[in-house]
Amino acid sequence: MEKAYVLINCNLGKEDDILHSLQNIKSVKVHGSLEIIIEETNNYLDVLQEDIPCKIKSLPSLKTTFTPTGMKN
């Protein structure tokens, strides 16, 4: 099982909108409400590499994201 973590910075007051959108992505687990950290799990690394830019980074009201690499479970 492959995992990726994404730290999200969104526009002030738009946290609930981002959280609601993230809850619609089945492979994503949300940690936090104001400081948003998500964990995405999938069986295939290439799917993760496609999901992050296509499904997550395209959300409205999202300012920046940071995906640390090299993290081990």
Protein backbone atom coordinates (compact mmCIF):
# COMPACT_ATOMS: atom_id res chain seq x y z
CA MET A 1 0.00 0.00 0.00
CA GLU A 2 1.42 3.38 -1.04
CA LYS A 3 0.82 6.56 1.00
CA ALA A 4 1.34 10.25 0.40
CA TYR A 5 0.89 13.10 2.85
CA VAL A 6 -0.14 16.57 1.70
CA LEU A 7 -0.09 19.68 3.88
CA ILE A 8 -2.67 22.21 2.71
CA ASN A 9 -2.77 25.97 3.10
CA CYS A 10 -6.07 27.53 2.05
CA ASN A 11 -7.65 30.95 2.02
CA LEU A 12 -8.80 32.19 5.42
CA GLY A 13 -12.39 31.16 6.11
CA LYS A 14 -12.43 28.52 3.35
CA GLU A 15 -11.27 25.60 5.52
CA ASP A 16 -14.77 24.05 5.65
CA ASP A 17 -15.09 24.19 1.86
CA ILE A 18 -11.75 22.42 1.42
CA LEU A 19 -12.61 19.82 4.09
CA HIS A 20 -15.96 19.10 2.43
CA SER A 21 -14.30 18.64 -0.97
CA LEU A 22 -11.62 16.35 0.48
CA GLN A 23 -14.23 14.13 2.13
CA ASN A 24 -15.55 13.30 -1.35
CA ILE A 25 -12.22 11.73 -2.35
CA LYS A 26 -12.42 8.11 -1.15
CA SER A 27 -8.67 7.51 -0.91
CA VAL A 28 -8.10 10.56 1.35
CA LYS A 29 -8.08 10.66 5.15
CA VAL A 30 -8.20 14.17 6.66
CA HIS A 31 -6.26 15.13 9.78
CA GLY A 32 -7.09 18.48 11.38
CA SER A 33 -9.57 21.20 10.60
CA LEU A 34 -7.68 24.50 10.52
CA GLU A 35 -4.25 23.07 9.79
CA ILE A 36 -5.18 20.53 7.14
CA ILE A 37 -3.01 17.47 6.61
CA ILE A 38 -4.30 14.68 4.45
CA GLU A 39 -3.15 11.12 4.01
CA GLU A 40 -3.91 9.50 0.69
CA THR A 41 -3.60 5.76 0.36
CA ASN A 42 -3.66 3.73 -2.82
CA ASN A 43 -2.26 0.44 -4.06
CA TYR A 44 -0.35 2.10 -6.87
CA LEU A 45 2.19 4.92 -6.67
CA ASP A 46 1.31 6.20 -10.14
CA VAL A 47 -2.32 6.68 -9.06
CA LEU A 48 -1.15 8.76 -6.08
CA GLN A 49 1.07 10.83 -8.34
CA GLU A 50 -1.93 11.52 -10.57
CA ASP A 51 -4.51 12.11 -7.79
CA ILE A 52 -2.55 14.76 -5.91
CA PRO A 53 -2.28 17.28 -8.75
CA CYS A 54 -5.61 16.43 -10.40
CA LYS A 55 -7.96 16.00 -7.45
CA ILE A 56 -6.32 17.88 -4.60
CA LYS A 57 -4.27 20.76 -5.98
CA SER A 58 -7.14 21.83 -8.24
CA LEU A 59 -9.54 22.54 -5.33
CA PRO A 60 -10.84 26.12 -5.21
CA SER A 61 -9.64 28.33 -2.32
CA LEU A 62 -6.45 26.28 -2.00
CA LYS A 63 -3.39 28.53 -1.74
CA THR A 64 -0.46 26.13 -1.48
CA THR A 65 0.32 22.49 -0.83
CA PHE A 66 3.43 20.71 0.39
CA THR A 67 4.02 17.01 -0.16
CA PRO A 68 7.01 15.80 1.88
CA THR A 69 8.93 12.98 0.25
CA GLY A 70 10.86 10.18 1.84
CA MET A 71 8.52 9.68 4.82
CA LYS A 72 8.34 6.12 6.09
CA ASN A 73 5.42 4.58 8.02
